[in-house]
C-alpha atoms as a PDB file:
ATOM      1  CA  MET A   1       0.182   0.043  -0.101  1.00  0.00           C
ATOM      2  CA  SER A   2       1.329   3.274  -0.771  1.00  0.00           C
ATOM      3  CA  LEU A   3       2.068   5.838   2.117  1.00  0.00           C
ATOM      4  CA  SER A   4       0.249   8.865   2.351  1.00  0.00           C
ATOM      5  CA  PHE A   5       2.192  12.804   2.417  1.00  0.00           C
ATOM      6  CA  VAL A   6       1.997  12.424   6.025  1.00  0.00           C
ATOM      7  CA  ASP A   7       3.455   9.292   6.340  1.00  0.00           C
ATOM      8  CA  LYS A   8       6.423   9.832   4.111  1.00  0.00           C
ATOM      9  CA  VAL A   9       6.850  13.023   6.305  1.00  0.00           C
ATOM     10  CA  GLN A  10       6.484  11.075   9.461  1.00  0.00           C
ATOM     11  CA  GLU A  11       8.803   8.609   7.961  1.00  0.00           C
ATOM     12  CA  CYS A  12      11.516  11.173   7.090  1.00  0.00           C
ATOM     13  CA  ALA A  13      11.666  13.012  10.681  1.00  0.00           C
ATOM     14  CA  ARG A  14      12.119   9.993  12.056  1.00  0.00           C
ATOM     15  CA  PHE A  15      14.821   8.993  10.264  1.00  0.00           C
ATOM     16  CA  ILE A  16      16.598  12.332  11.463  1.00  0.00           C
ATOM     17  CA  GLN A  17      15.512  12.120  14.742  1.00  0.00           C
ATOM     18  CA  GLU A  18      17.188   8.883  15.365  1.00  0.00           C
ATOM     19  CA  ARG A  19      20.639  10.177  13.938  1.00  0.00           C
ATOM     20  CA  MET A  20      20.150  13.805  16.117  1.00  0.00           C
ATOM     21  CA  ALA A  21      19.847  14.368  19.506  1.00  0.00           C
ATOM     22  CA  VAL A  22      19.555  17.874  19.667  1.00  0.00           C
ATOM     23  CA  GLN A  23      16.387  20.033  19.361  1.00  0.00           C
ATOM     24  CA  PRO A  24      17.143  23.076  16.603  1.00  0.00           C
ATOM     25  CA  VAL A  25      15.565  26.265  17.668  1.00  0.00           C
ATOM     26  CA  ALA A  26      14.611  27.233  13.700  1.00  0.00           C
ATOM     27  CA  GLY A  27      14.820  26.088  10.131  1.00  0.00           C
ATOM     28  CA  MET A  28      15.899  27.489   7.436  1.00  0.00           C
ATOM     29  CA  ILE A  29      15.661  27.452   3.350  1.00  0.00           C
ATOM     30  CA  THR A  30      18.370  28.566   1.241  1.00  0.00           C
ATOM     31  CA  GLY A  31      18.159  29.902  -2.192  1.00  0.00           C
ATOM     32  CA  THR A  32      19.913  30.297  -5.369  1.00  0.00           C
ATOM     33  CA  GLY A  33      23.447  30.955  -4.993  1.00  0.00           C
ATOM     34  CA  LEU A  34      23.007  30.735  -1.413  1.00  0.00           C
ATOM     35  CA  SER A  35      23.757  27.146  -0.354  1.00  0.00           C
ATOM     36  CA  ASP A  36      27.334  28.083   1.543  1.00  0.00           C
ATOM     37  CA  SER A  37      25.731  31.246   2.681  1.00  0.00           C
ATOM     38  CA  LEU A  38      25.953  30.854   6.246  1.00  0.00           C
ATOM     39  CA  THR A  39      29.830  30.687   6.794  1.00  0.00           C
ATOM     40  CA  ASP A  40      29.682  31.013  10.522  1.00  0.00           C
ATOM     41  CA  LEU A  41      27.480  27.482  10.607  1.00  0.00           C
ATOM     42  CA  VAL A  42      29.558  24.886  12.425  1.00  0.00           C
ATOM     43  CA  VAL A  43      28.186  21.781  10.715  1.00  0.00           C
ATOM     44  CA  HIS A  44      27.974  18.980  13.334  1.00  0.00           C
ATOM     45  CA  GLN A  45      25.407  16.593  10.215  1.00  0.00           C
ATOM     46  CA  VAL A  46      25.312  16.388   6.720  1.00  0.00           C
ATOM     47  CA  PHE A  47      22.174  14.377   4.993  1.00  0.00           C
ATOM     48  CA  PRO A  48      22.176  14.946   1.114  1.00  0.00           C
ATOM     49  CA  TYR A  49      18.732  14.811  -0.107  1.00  0.00           C
ATOM     50  CA  ALA A  50      19.093  11.303  -2.089  1.00  0.00           C
ATOM     51  CA  GLY A  51      19.546  10.081   1.176  1.00  0.00           C
ATOM     52  CA  LEU A  52      16.620  11.137   3.311  1.00  0.00           C
ATOM     53  CA  PRO A  53      13.179   8.927   2.986  1.00  0.00           C
ATOM     54  CA  HIS A  54      10.897  10.338   0.172  1.00  0.00           C
ATOM     55  CA  PHE A  55      12.539  13.588   0.385  1.00  0.00           C
ATOM     56  CA  PRO A  56      12.299  15.346  -3.410  1.00  0.00           C
ATOM     57  CA  GLN A  57      15.348  16.064  -4.834  1.00  0.00           C
ATOM     58  CA  ALA A  58      16.912  19.729  -5.789  1.00  0.00           C
ATOM     59  CA  THR A  59      17.131  19.788 -10.005  1.00  0.00           C
ATOM     60  CA  VAL A  60      19.169  22.974  -9.886  1.00  0.00           C
ATOM     61  CA  ASP A  61      22.740  23.434 -10.633  1.00  0.00           C
ATOM     62  CA  SER A  62      22.843  26.196  -8.093  1.00  0.00           C
ATOM     63  CA  HIS A  63      20.657  24.715  -5.015  1.00  0.00           C
ATOM     64  CA  LYS A  64      23.252  21.802  -3.024  1.00  0.00           C
ATOM     65  CA  GLY A  65      20.858  19.638  -2.127  1.00  0.00           C
ATOM     66  CA  CYS A  66      21.895  19.004   1.643  1.00  0.00           C
ATOM     67  CA  LEU A  67      19.951  19.441   4.876  1.00  0.00           C
ATOM     68  CA  VAL A  68      22.640  20.559   7.173  1.00  0.00           C
ATOM     69  CA  GLN A  69      22.301  19.529  11.068  1.00  0.00           C
ATOM     70  CA  GLY A  70      24.833  22.189  12.877  1.00  0.00           C
ATOM     71  CA  SER A  71      25.337  25.403  15.489  1.00  0.00           C
ATOM     72  CA  LEU A  72      24.915  28.855  14.894  1.00  0.00           C
ATOM     73  CA  ASN A  73      26.329  31.508  17.131  1.00  0.00           C
ATOM     74  CA  GLY A  74      25.580  29.039  20.014  1.00  0.00           C
ATOM     75  CA  ARG A  75      21.788  27.628  18.579  1.00  0.00           C
ATOM     76  CA  ASP A  76      21.110  24.647  17.208  1.00  0.00           C
ATOM     77  CA  ILE A  77      19.156  25.068  13.751  1.00  0.00           C
ATOM     78  CA  LEU A  78      18.145  22.449  10.658  1.00  0.00           C
ATOM     79  CA  VAL A  79      19.792  24.393   7.394  1.00  0.00           C
ATOM     80  CA  PHE A  80      18.247  23.471   3.847  1.00  0.00           C
ATOM     81  CA  GLN A  81      21.220  24.043   1.118  1.00  0.00           C
ATOM     82  CA  GLY A  82      18.594  24.123  -1.701  1.00  0.00           C
ATOM     83  CA  ARG A  83      14.967  24.262  -2.162  1.00  0.00           C
ATOM     84  CA  ILE A  84      12.674  22.799  -4.393  1.00  0.00           C
ATOM     85  CA  HIS A  85      11.090  25.244  -6.945  1.00  0.00           C
ATOM     86  CA  LEU A  86       7.270  24.435  -8.989  1.00  0.00           C
ATOM     87  CA  TYR A  87       8.990  25.221 -12.287  1.00  0.00           C
ATOM     88  CA  GLU A  88      11.256  21.981 -11.561  1.00  0.00           C
ATOM     89  CA  GLY A  89       7.674  20.541 -12.036  1.00  0.00           C
ATOM     90  CA  TYR A  90       6.890  19.413  -8.439  1.00  0.00           C
ATOM     91  CA  SER A  91       3.711  19.964  -6.928  1.00  0.00           C
ATOM     92  CA  PRO A  92       3.215  22.700  -4.030  1.00  0.00           C
ATOM     93  CA  GLN A  93       2.771  20.010  -1.702  1.00  0.00           C
ATOM     94  CA  LEU A  94       6.462  18.317  -2.584  1.00  0.00           C
ATOM     95  CA  VAL A  95       7.572  22.177  -2.755  1.00  0.00           C
ATOM     96  CA  THR A  96       6.830  22.344   1.098  1.00  0.00           C
ATOM     97  CA  PHE A  97       8.140  18.965   2.312  1.00  0.00           C
ATOM     98  CA  PRO A  98      10.913  20.859   3.742  1.00  0.00           C
ATOM     99  CA  VAL A  99       8.018  22.791   5.694  1.00  0.00           C
ATOM    100  CA  ARG A 100       6.458  20.007   6.984  1.00  0.00           C
ATOM    101  CA  LEU A 101       9.469  17.649   7.793  1.00  0.00           C
ATOM    102  CA  LEU A 102      10.138  21.202   9.884  1.00  0.00           C
ATOM    103  CA  GLN A 103       6.962  20.785  11.768  1.00  0.00           C
ATOM    104  CA  ALA A 104       7.397  16.991  12.305  1.00  0.00           C
ATOM    105  CA  LEU A 105      10.749  17.873  13.816  1.00  0.00           C
ATOM    106  CA  GLY A 106       8.856  20.117  16.237  1.00  0.00           C
ATOM    107  CA  VAL A 107      10.749  23.777  14.454  1.00  0.00           C
ATOM    108  CA  GLN A 108       8.936  26.638  15.187  1.00  0.00           C
ATOM    109  CA  MET A 109      10.501  28.866  13.323  1.00  0.00           C
ATOM    110  CA  LEU A 110      11.172  29.286   9.324  1.00  0.00           C
ATOM    111  CA  ILE A 111      13.781  31.573   8.060  1.00  0.00           C
ATOM    112  CA  LEU A 112      13.557  31.752   3.866  1.00  0.00           C
ATOM    113  CA  THR A 113      15.855  33.456   2.211  1.00  0.00           C
ATOM    114  CA  ASN A 114      15.695  34.047  -1.812  1.00  0.00           C
ATOM    115  CA  ALA A 115      17.865  35.146  -4.631  1.00  0.00           C
ATOM    116  CA  ALA A 116      15.173  37.841  -5.724  1.00  0.00           C
ATOM    117  CA  GLY A 117      14.971  40.601  -8.821  1.00  0.00           C
ATOM    118  CA  GLY A 118      14.619  44.313  -7.599  1.00  0.00           C
ATOM    119  CA  ILE A 119      11.742  46.131  -9.063  1.00  0.00           C
ATOM    120  CA  ASN A 120      12.376  49.245  -6.219  1.00  0.00           C
ATOM    121  CA  LEU A 121      14.868  51.059  -8.137  1.00  0.00           C
ATOM    122  CA  ASP A 122      16.062  52.474  -4.632  1.00  0.00           C
ATOM    123  CA  PHE A 123      17.508  48.706  -4.662  1.00  0.00           C
ATOM    124  CA  ASN A 124      21.091  48.032  -6.179  1.00  0.00           C
ATOM    125  CA  ALA A 125      22.125  44.670  -7.221  1.00  0.00           C
ATOM    126  CA  GLY A 126      24.020  42.908  -3.878  1.00  0.00           C
ATOM    127  CA  ASP A 127      21.236  44.556  -0.858  1.00  0.00           C
ATOM    128  CA  ILE A 128      18.946  42.659   1.118  1.00  0.00           C
ATOM    129  CA  MET A 129      15.352  43.216   1.494  1.00  0.00           C
ATOM    130  CA  LEU A 130      13.172  41.983   4.548  1.00  0.00           C
ATOM    131  CA  ILE A 131      10.257  40.465   2.844  1.00  0.00           C
ATOM    132  CA  ARG A 132       7.457  42.372   4.391  1.00  0.00           C
ATOM    133  CA  ASP A 133       4.919  40.780   2.741  1.00  0.00           C
ATOM    134  CA  HIS A 134       4.268  38.751  -0.534  1.00  0.00           C
ATOM    135  CA  ILE A 135       1.963  38.306  -3.550  1.00  0.00           C
ATOM    136  CA  ASN A 136       1.536  35.362  -4.783  1.00  0.00           C
ATOM    137  CA  LEU A 137       0.777  35.013  -8.686  1.00  0.00           C
ATOM    138  CA  THR A 138       2.027  31.570  -9.257  1.00  0.00           C
ATOM    139  CA  GLY A 139      -1.503  30.015  -9.418  1.00  0.00           C
ATOM    140  CA  LYS A 140      -0.776  27.524  -6.877  1.00  0.00           C
ATOM    141  CA  ASN A 141      -1.255  27.024  -3.294  1.00  0.00           C
ATOM    142  CA  PRO A 142      -0.231  23.779  -1.466  1.00  0.00           C
ATOM    143  CA  LEU A 143      -3.350  24.119   1.084  1.00  0.00           C
ATOM    144  CA  ALA A 144      -5.335  23.431  -1.921  1.00  0.00           C
ATOM    145  CA  GLY A 145      -7.304  20.160  -1.640  1.00  0.00           C
ATOM    146  CA  PRO A 146      -8.101  18.526   1.228  1.00  0.00           C
ATOM    147  CA  ASN A 147      -6.977  19.841   4.786  1.00  0.00           C
ATOM    148  CA  GLU A 148      -4.606  17.341   6.484  1.00  0.00           C
ATOM    149  CA  ASP A 149      -6.306  18.546  10.392  1.00  0.00           C
ATOM    150  CA  SER A 150      -2.786  17.604  12.108  1.00  0.00           C
ATOM    151  CA  PHE A 151      -0.817  20.155  10.215  1.00  0.00           C
ATOM    152  CA  GLY A 152      -2.852  22.891  10.847  1.00  0.00           C
ATOM    153  CA  LEU A 153      -6.230  24.960   9.757  1.00  0.00           C
ATOM    154  CA  ARG A 154      -8.338  24.684   7.076  1.00  0.00           C
ATOM    155  CA  PHE A 155      -8.601  28.393   6.401  1.00  0.00           C
ATOM    156  CA  PRO A 156      -4.953  30.294   7.914  1.00  0.00           C
ATOM    157  CA  ASP A 157      -5.227  33.874   8.491  1.00  0.00           C
ATOM    158  CA  MET A 158      -2.762  35.342   6.114  1.00  0.00           C
ATOM    159  CA  THR A 159      -2.450  39.076   7.649  1.00  0.00           C
ATOM    160  CA  ARG A 160       1.104  38.087   8.907  1.00  0.00           C
ATOM    161  CA  VAL A 161       2.819  35.746   6.886  1.00  0.00           C
ATOM    162  CA  TYR A 162       6.304  37.299   8.143  1.00  0.00           C
ATOM    163  CA  ASP A 163       6.485  37.544  11.477  1.00  0.00           C
ATOM    164  CA  PRO A 164       6.950  41.358  12.834  1.00  0.00           C
ATOM    165  CA  ASP A 165       8.931  40.652  16.004  1.00  0.00           C
ATOM    166  CA  LEU A 166      11.438  38.451  14.128  1.00  0.00           C
ATOM    167  CA  GLY A 167      11.638  41.172  11.449  1.00  0.00           C
ATOM    168  CA  ARG A 168      12.604  43.726  14.546  1.00  0.00           C
ATOM    169  CA  GLY A 169      15.001  41.220  15.348  1.00  0.00           C
ATOM    170  CA  ALA A 170      16.902  41.184  11.576  1.00  0.00           C
ATOM    171  CA  VAL A 171      16.625  44.923  11.469  1.00  0.00           C
ATOM    172  CA  GLU A 172      18.738  44.687  14.501  1.00  0.00           C
ATOM    173  CA  ALA A 173      21.062  42.019  13.804  1.00  0.00           C
ATOM    174  CA  ALA A 174      21.899  44.195  10.403  1.00  0.00           C
ATOM    175  CA  ALA A 175      22.440  47.651  12.605  1.00  0.00           C
ATOM    176  CA  GLN A 176      24.774  45.572  14.449  1.00  0.00           C
ATOM    177  CA  GLU A 177      26.793  44.779  11.252  1.00  0.00           C
ATOM    178  CA  HIS A 178      26.408  47.943   9.595  1.00  0.00           C
ATOM    179  CA  ILE A 179      24.750  46.290   6.980  1.00  0.00           C
ATOM    180  CA  GLN A 180      21.623  48.392   5.358  1.00  0.00           C
ATOM    181  CA  LEU A 181      18.372  46.362   4.900  1.00  0.00           C
ATOM    182  CA  HIS A 182      15.448  47.554   3.182  1.00  0.00           C
ATOM    183  CA  SER A 183      11.653  46.447   3.660  1.00  0.00           C
ATOM    184  CA  GLY A 184       9.089  45.627   1.006  1.00  0.00           C
ATOM    185  CA  ILE A 185       6.963  43.520  -0.729  1.00  0.00           C
ATOM    186  CA  TYR A 186       8.006  40.451  -2.516  1.00  0.00           C
ATOM    187  CA  ALA A 187       6.144  38.446  -5.889  1.00  0.00           C
ATOM    188  CA  GLY A 188       6.227  35.051  -5.838  1.00  0.00           C
ATOM    189  CA  LEU A 189       6.131  34.006  -9.820  1.00  0.00           C
ATOM    190  CA  LEU A 190       6.013  30.596 -11.720  1.00  0.00           C
ATOM    191  CA  GLY A 191       8.956  30.849 -13.656  1.00  0.00           C
ATOM    192  CA  PRO A 192      11.629  29.796 -14.465  1.00  0.00           C
ATOM    193  CA  SER A 193      11.222  32.253 -17.878  1.00  0.00           C
ATOM    194  CA  LEU A 194      12.564  35.530 -16.127  1.00  0.00           C
ATOM    195  CA  GLU A 195       9.676  38.542 -16.404  1.00  0.00           C
ATOM    196  CA  THR A 196       9.154  40.566 -19.057  1.00  0.00           C
ATOM    197  CA  PRO A 197       9.651  44.909 -19.142  1.00  0.00           C
ATOM    198  CA  ALA A 198       5.661  44.855 -19.521  1.00  0.00           C
ATOM    199  CA  GLU A 199       5.274  42.000 -16.260  1.00  0.00           C
ATOM    200  CA  THR A 200       7.787  44.271 -14.517  1.00  0.00           C
ATOM    201  CA  ARG A 201       6.258  46.887 -15.283  1.00  0.00           C
ATOM    202  CA  LEU A 202       2.474  45.815 -13.897  1.00  0.00           C
ATOM    203  CA  LEU A 203       4.356  43.887 -10.631  1.00  0.00           C
ATOM    204  CA  LYS A 204       5.701  47.707  -9.787  1.00  0.00           C
ATOM    205  CA  THR A 205       1.678  48.743  -9.723  1.00  0.00           C
ATOM    206  CA  ILE A 206       0.617  46.460  -7.732  1.00  0.00           C
ATOM    207  CA  GLY A 207       3.401  47.158  -5.267  1.00  0.00           C
ATOM    208  CA  ALA A 208       6.005  44.769  -5.633  1.00  0.00           C
ATOM    209  CA  ASP A 209       9.392  45.515  -4.569  1.00  0.00           C
ATOM    210  CA  ALA A 210      11.365  42.518  -5.470  1.00  0.00           C
ATOM    211  CA  VAL A 211      10.428  39.182  -7.505  1.00  0.00           C
ATOM    212  CA  GLY A 212      11.401  35.631  -7.657  1.00  0.00           C
ATOM    213  CA  PHE A 213      10.374  32.526  -8.448  1.00  0.00           C
ATOM    214  CA  SER A 214       9.778  30.810  -4.897  1.00  0.00           C
ATOM    215  CA  THR A 215       9.678  31.169  -0.780  1.00  0.00           C
ATOM    216  CA  VAL A 216       5.452  32.041  -0.737  1.00  0.00           C
ATOM    217  CA  MET A 217       4.264  28.203  -1.606  1.00  0.00           C
ATOM    218  CA  GLU A 218       6.820  27.199   1.835  1.00  0.00           C
ATOM    219  CA  ALA A 219       5.363  31.006   3.740  1.00  0.00           C
ATOM    220  CA  THR A 220       2.038  29.678   3.158  1.00  0.00           C
ATOM    221  CA  ALA A 221       2.540  26.478   4.379  1.00  0.00           C
ATOM    222  CA  GLY A 222       4.606  27.590   6.918  1.00  0.00           C
ATOM    223  CA  VAL A 223       1.663  30.079   8.202  1.00  0.00           C
ATOM    224  CA  HIS A 224      -0.427  26.497   8.209  1.00  0.00           C
ATOM    225  CA  ALA A 225       1.578  24.737  10.146  1.00  0.00           C
ATOM    226  CA  GLY A 226       1.721  27.997  13.185  1.00  0.00           C
ATOM    227  CA  MET A 227       5.175  29.012  12.577  1.00  0.00           C
ATOM    228  CA  LYS A 228       7.095  31.766  12.791  1.00  0.00           C
ATOM    229  CA  ILE A 229       8.597  33.502   9.966  1.00  0.00           C
ATOM    230  CA  LEU A 230      11.520  35.674   9.070  1.00  0.00           C
ATOM    231  CA  GLY A 231      12.354  36.285   4.812  1.00  0.00           C
ATOM    232  CA  LEU A 232      14.729  37.660   3.323  1.00  0.00           C
ATOM    233  CA  SER A 233      15.866  38.697  -0.168  1.00  0.00           C
ATOM    234  CA  LEU A 234      19.166  38.734  -1.652  1.00  0.00           C
ATOM    235  CA  ILE A 235      18.581  41.343  -4.406  1.00  0.00           C
ATOM    236  CA  THR A 236      20.785  39.995  -7.358  1.00  0.00           C
ATOM    237  CA  ASN A 237      19.625  42.545 -10.229  1.00  0.00           C
ATOM    238  CA  ILE A 238      17.936  45.517 -10.867  1.00  0.00           C
ATOM    239  CA  ASN A 239      14.363  45.227 -13.238  1.00  0.00           C
ATOM    240  CA  ASP A 240      14.025  48.695 -14.855  1.00  0.00           C
ATOM    241  CA  PRO A 241      10.885  48.411 -17.184  1.00  0.00           C
ATOM    242  CA  ASP A 242      11.883  51.540 -18.523  1.00  0.00           C
ATOM    243  CA  ALA A 243      15.649  50.411 -19.076  1.00  0.00           C
ATOM    244  CA  PRO A 244      15.491  46.427 -19.319  1.00  0.00           C
ATOM    245  CA  GLU A 245      18.932  44.594 -19.268  1.00  0.00           C
ATOM    246  CA  GLN A 246      19.335  40.925 -19.865  1.00  0.00           C
ATOM    247  CA  THR A 247      20.519  38.905 -17.291  1.00  0.00           C
ATOM    248  CA  THR A 248      21.417  34.913 -16.571  1.00  0.00           C
ATOM    249  CA  LEU A 249      21.748  32.154 -13.909  1.00  0.00           C
ATOM    250  CA  GLU A 250      25.042  32.857 -13.818  1.00  0.00           C
ATOM    251  CA  ALA A 251      24.911  36.223 -13.268  1.00  0.00           C
ATOM    252  CA  VAL A 252      22.412  36.280 -10.645  1.00  0.00           C
ATOM    253  CA  VAL A 253      24.635  32.807  -8.940  1.00  0.00           C
ATOM    254  CA  GLU A 254      27.166  35.214  -8.999  1.00  0.00           C
ATOM    255  CA  THR A 255      25.935  38.385  -7.336  1.00  0.00           C
ATOM    256  CA  ALA A 256      24.886  36.261  -4.854  1.00  0.00           C
ATOM    257  CA  ALA A 257      27.528  34.647  -3.758  1.00  0.00           C
ATOM    258  CA  LYS A 258      29.692  38.231  -3.605  1.00  0.00           C
ATOM    259  CA  ALA A 259      26.843  39.170  -1.156  1.00  0.00           C
ATOM    260  CA  SER A 260      26.312  36.255   0.728  1.00  0.00           C
ATOM    261  CA  GLU A 261      28.373  37.014   3.393  1.00  0.00           C
ATOM    262  CA  LYS A 262      26.284  40.287   4.257  1.00  0.00           C
ATOM    263  CA  LEU A 263      23.528  37.484   4.481  1.00  0.00           C
ATOM    264  CA  ASN A 264      25.682  35.669   7.151  1.00  0.00           C
ATOM    265  CA  ARG A 265      26.170  37.856   9.505  1.00  0.00           C
ATOM    266  CA  ILE A 266      22.732  39.368   9.247  1.00  0.00           C
ATOM    267  CA  VAL A 267      20.767  35.490  10.137  1.00  0.00           C
ATOM    268  CA  THR A 268      24.246  34.685  12.597  1.00  0.00           C
ATOM    269  CA  GLY A 269      23.550  37.708  14.258  1.00  0.00           C
ATOM    270  CA  PHE A 270      19.760  37.312  14.423  1.00  0.00           C
ATOM    271  CA  VAL A 271      19.511  33.364  15.297  1.00  0.00           C
ATOM    272  CA  GLY A 272      21.859  34.107  18.467  1.00  0.00           C
ATOM    273  CA  GLN A 273      19.174  36.644  19.434  1.00  0.00           C
ATOM    274  CA  LEU A 274      17.169  33.579  19.857  1.00  0.00           C
ATOM    275  CA  GLY A 275      16.263  31.860  23.378  1.00  0.00           C
END
């Protein structure tokens, strides 16, 4: 008999629990080019996605595909080095497998990072944006279909997806490191094709400050799971519809790598504040 999604999550969680003696205070999912962004992380164990029961595999080269258990600034955390995307052909449910795994492991805080195109022209490539809210333009929702009551409520409230207290903690951590931390709205698209100038103009009109192909599925599942969520976007390029410039995945990854140390310092400082 085939296992249900819940059973698969639970089996994967048991696999990890049997090999992990600590209770992580947070889980983090890294974005494109950011798999190794936490240079201050003290690695204790590495679980390749391929070795985790039922775990979907990352197919994008810039996503490492490992779950790392380690300590950051004296706090135990789990870091998913690379994420699963809708554009890879995965269902919204499978995209959120990491979130459900954290939920099964009792982790109540979720840190989401991504590489994003900047729409706000006050931003520069290499800047970091605190995600204040998001706009889901993927046409997908991980909660569609029968509700799994053990995961959460049928109709979760989405008025405070990104926890304001965690956001203030990130702002404080950035200030202590003398890093400018912008704040804005993230628009999530299906991808993988990048935005046309007309689409960028539309996104700007509806209030988006940055755009990417991830995050909203995991954030929605995180809210459903009752988690507190911190979202951070590393701006890799600026999308000006009146002066469009071509970009490539290689350029995005290169910019993310150059700016990732700032992200490391913010997250390290933030995690150090946690009880």
